[in-house]
Amino acid sequence: PFRHVSHSSSPAHMRNTDTRQQKQWVLVFLAWLIALAATLGALFLGEVMGRTPCLLCWYQRIAMFPLVVVLGVGLLPFDPRGARYALPLAVVGGVIALYHCLLYWGVIPPSLVPCGQGVSCTDAKLGLLGFVSIPLLSLMAFASIIVLLLIAKRGSQNE
C-alpha cells in the first residue's frame, strides 16, 4: 500500500546534487587556473628570463607543478575527491612559501636561510609591480588554492 520513495532519486535532490557539483567544479577549476598560471609564471621566469630558482623556489615548484595535473585530471570527468588529493601538495607548498616569505621579510634570521649561496629571491628585479615579491606571489597562489579546495571539499562532505 505505501511505497517508500528515496530522497536520493527525487528530482529535487538530483538538482541540488547537480548544482552542488557544478559549484565544486567551478572552485576546483579556479584552483587549477591559479596552479596553471603559477606554473607558467615559474617556467617563464626560469626558461625565458633565465632566472635560476633558489632552493626554496624549487621546493615550491615541486608542490605546484603536480597540482596542474592532479586538479586537471579531477576536472574531466569531475571527481570531487580531486580536492582531497591536491590539498596536501598545496598545504606543503604553502608552508614552504610562508617560510620563504618570512626569510624574505627578515623575520627569520639569515643563519636559517637554506639558499644562502647562489641565486637569491631577494633580488629587487624579481618582483611584480615593484613591491610584490616572487615568494609572496607563491604564498598567495598556494593560499588561494588551499581556500578554494577546502570550500570544494566541504561541499562534497555535505552530500
Protein backbone atom coordinates (compact mmCIF):
# COMPACT_ATOMS: atom_id res chain seq x y z
CA PRO A 1 0.00 0.00 0.00
CA PHE A 2 2.71 2.53 0.93
CA ARG A 3 5.73 2.89 -1.27
CA HIS A 4 8.94 4.24 0.17
CA VAL A 5 10.31 6.99 -2.02
CA SER A 6 14.01 7.52 -1.62
CA HIS A 7 15.08 11.15 -1.41
CA SER A 8 18.21 10.37 -3.41
CA SER A 9 16.17 9.60 -6.52
CA SER A 10 13.83 12.57 -6.27
CA PRO A 11 14.25 15.20 -8.98
CA ALA A 12 14.73 17.99 -6.40
CA HIS A 13 17.56 16.10 -4.67
CA MET A 14 19.21 15.37 -8.00
CA ARG A 15 19.04 19.06 -8.97
CA ASN A 16 20.60 20.04 -5.62
CA THR A 17 23.37 17.48 -6.12
CA ASP A 18 23.97 18.69 -9.69
CA THR A 19 24.10 22.33 -8.54
CA ARG A 20 26.46 21.44 -5.69
CA GLN A 21 28.76 19.54 -8.06
CA GLN A 22 28.71 22.43 -10.52
CA LYS A 23 29.82 24.80 -7.75
CA GLN A 24 32.53 22.37 -6.69
CA TRP A 25 33.68 22.05 -10.30
CA VAL A 26 33.99 25.83 -10.60
CA LEU A 27 36.01 26.00 -7.36
CA VAL A 28 38.38 23.23 -8.47
CA PHE A 29 38.64 24.83 -11.92
CA LEU A 30 39.64 28.16 -10.34
CA ALA A 31 42.25 26.36 -8.23
CA TRP A 32 43.52 24.68 -11.41
CA LEU A 33 43.73 28.06 -13.20
CA ILE A 34 45.79 29.50 -10.34
CA ALA A 35 48.11 26.47 -10.36
CA LEU A 36 48.45 26.74 -14.15
CA ALA A 37 49.23 30.47 -14.00
CA ALA A 38 51.79 29.93 -11.22
CA THR A 39 53.41 27.08 -13.16
CA LEU A 40 53.57 29.09 -16.38
CA GLY A 41 54.94 32.08 -14.46
CA ALA A 42 57.65 29.98 -12.85
CA LEU A 43 58.57 28.44 -16.20
CA PHE A 44 58.64 31.90 -17.80
CA LEU A 45 61.00 33.21 -15.12
CA GLY A 46 63.29 30.22 -15.42
CA GLU A 47 63.24 29.38 -19.11
CA VAL A 48 62.54 32.70 -20.84
CA MET A 49 64.10 35.21 -18.44
CA GLY A 50 66.93 32.86 -17.48
CA ARG A 51 66.41 33.27 -13.72
CA THR A 52 67.65 30.20 -11.90
CA PRO A 53 65.34 29.43 -8.97
CA CYS A 54 66.69 29.23 -5.44
CA LEU A 55 66.33 26.07 -3.35
CA LEU A 56 63.06 27.18 -1.73
CA CYS A 57 61.63 28.13 -5.11
CA TRP A 58 62.45 24.63 -6.35
CA TYR A 59 60.61 23.09 -3.42
CA GLN A 60 57.58 25.26 -4.13
CA ARG A 61 57.71 24.24 -7.79
CA ILE A 62 57.77 20.59 -6.72
CA ALA A 63 54.50 21.22 -4.89
CA MET A 64 52.88 23.49 -7.54
CA PHE A 65 53.63 21.74 -10.83
CA PRO A 66 51.80 18.46 -9.98
CA LEU A 67 48.73 20.47 -8.91
CA VAL A 68 48.12 21.33 -12.57
CA VAL A 69 47.93 17.63 -13.43
CA VAL A 70 46.08 16.43 -10.30
CA LEU A 71 43.43 19.15 -10.48
CA GLY A 72 43.12 18.84 -14.26
CA VAL A 73 42.54 15.09 -14.06
CA GLY A 74 39.95 15.67 -11.33
CA LEU A 75 38.01 18.07 -13.57
CA LEU A 76 37.39 15.86 -16.60
CA PRO A 77 35.27 13.96 -15.71
CA PHE A 78 34.64 15.76 -12.45
CA ASP A 79 35.73 13.86 -9.37
CA PRO A 80 35.08 15.76 -6.13
CA ARG A 81 37.81 13.68 -4.47
CA GLY A 82 40.38 15.59 -6.54
CA ALA A 83 40.40 18.31 -3.87
CA ARG A 84 41.40 15.71 -1.29
CA TYR A 85 44.31 14.56 -3.44
CA ALA A 86 45.55 18.06 -4.26
CA LEU A 87 45.19 19.58 -0.80
CA PRO A 88 48.32 18.00 0.78
CA LEU A 89 50.50 19.31 -2.07
CA ALA A 90 49.03 22.79 -1.70
CA VAL A 91 49.50 22.81 2.08
CA VAL A 92 53.13 21.67 1.86
CA GLY A 93 53.83 24.27 -0.83
CA GLY A 94 52.06 26.92 1.23
CA VAL A 95 54.15 26.17 4.31
CA ILE A 96 57.34 26.40 2.27
CA ALA A 97 56.13 29.65 0.66
CA LEU A 98 55.31 31.12 4.10
CA TYR A 99 58.77 30.18 5.37
CA HIS A 100 60.27 31.73 2.22
CA CYS A 101 58.31 34.97 2.78
CA LEU A 102 59.42 35.13 6.41
CA LEU A 103 63.03 34.78 5.24
CA TYR A 104 62.49 37.42 2.56
CA TRP A 105 60.97 39.87 5.08
CA GLY A 106 63.81 39.30 7.56
CA VAL A 107 61.61 37.72 10.26
CA ILE A 108 63.71 34.55 10.20
CA PRO A 109 67.42 35.14 10.82
CA PRO A 110 69.83 34.79 7.88
CA SER A 111 71.54 31.86 9.62
CA LEU A 112 68.44 29.75 8.82
CA VAL A 113 68.45 30.55 5.09
CA PRO A 114 68.87 27.29 3.16
CA CYS A 115 69.65 29.10 -0.09
CA GLY A 116 72.37 31.42 1.15
CA GLN A 117 74.62 30.82 -1.83
CA GLY A 118 73.83 31.31 -5.49
CA VAL A 119 70.57 32.82 -6.71
CA SER A 120 68.52 34.77 -4.20
CA CYS A 121 64.87 35.75 -4.40
CA THR A 122 65.68 38.96 -2.57
CA ASP A 123 66.81 40.39 -5.90
CA ALA A 124 64.73 43.54 -6.45
CA LYS A 125 64.31 42.71 -10.15
CA LEU A 126 62.27 39.63 -9.28
CA GLY A 127 59.09 41.38 -8.22
CA LEU A 128 55.71 42.31 -9.63
CA LEU A 129 54.66 45.96 -9.74
CA GLY A 130 57.80 46.84 -7.81
CA PHE A 131 56.57 45.64 -4.41
CA VAL A 132 55.11 42.11 -4.70
CA SER A 133 57.95 39.60 -4.37
CA ILE A 134 58.09 36.18 -6.01
CA PRO A 135 57.83 34.42 -2.61
CA LEU A 136 54.71 36.47 -1.82
CA LEU A 137 53.16 35.61 -5.19
CA SER A 138 53.79 31.96 -4.44
CA LEU A 139 52.26 32.25 -0.98
CA MET A 140 49.17 33.99 -2.42
CA ALA A 141 48.79 31.28 -5.07
CA PHE A 142 49.06 28.42 -2.57
CA ALA A 143 46.75 30.17 -0.08
CA SER A 144 44.13 30.77 -2.79
CA ILE A 145 44.32 27.16 -3.94
CA ILE A 146 44.00 25.89 -0.35
CA VAL A 147 40.94 28.06 0.34
CA LEU A 148 39.23 27.03 -2.92
CA LEU A 149 39.94 23.33 -2.30
CA LEU A 150 38.72 23.48 1.30
CA ILE A 151 35.46 25.08 0.18
CA ALA A 152 35.06 22.47 -2.57
CA LYS A 153 35.89 19.65 -0.16
CA ARG A 154 33.38 20.96 2.37
CA GLY A 155 30.72 20.92 -0.36
CA SER A 156 31.42 17.25 -1.14
CA GLN A 157 31.07 16.28 2.54
CA ASN A 158 27.57 17.77 2.66
CA GLU A 159 26.31 15.22 0.16
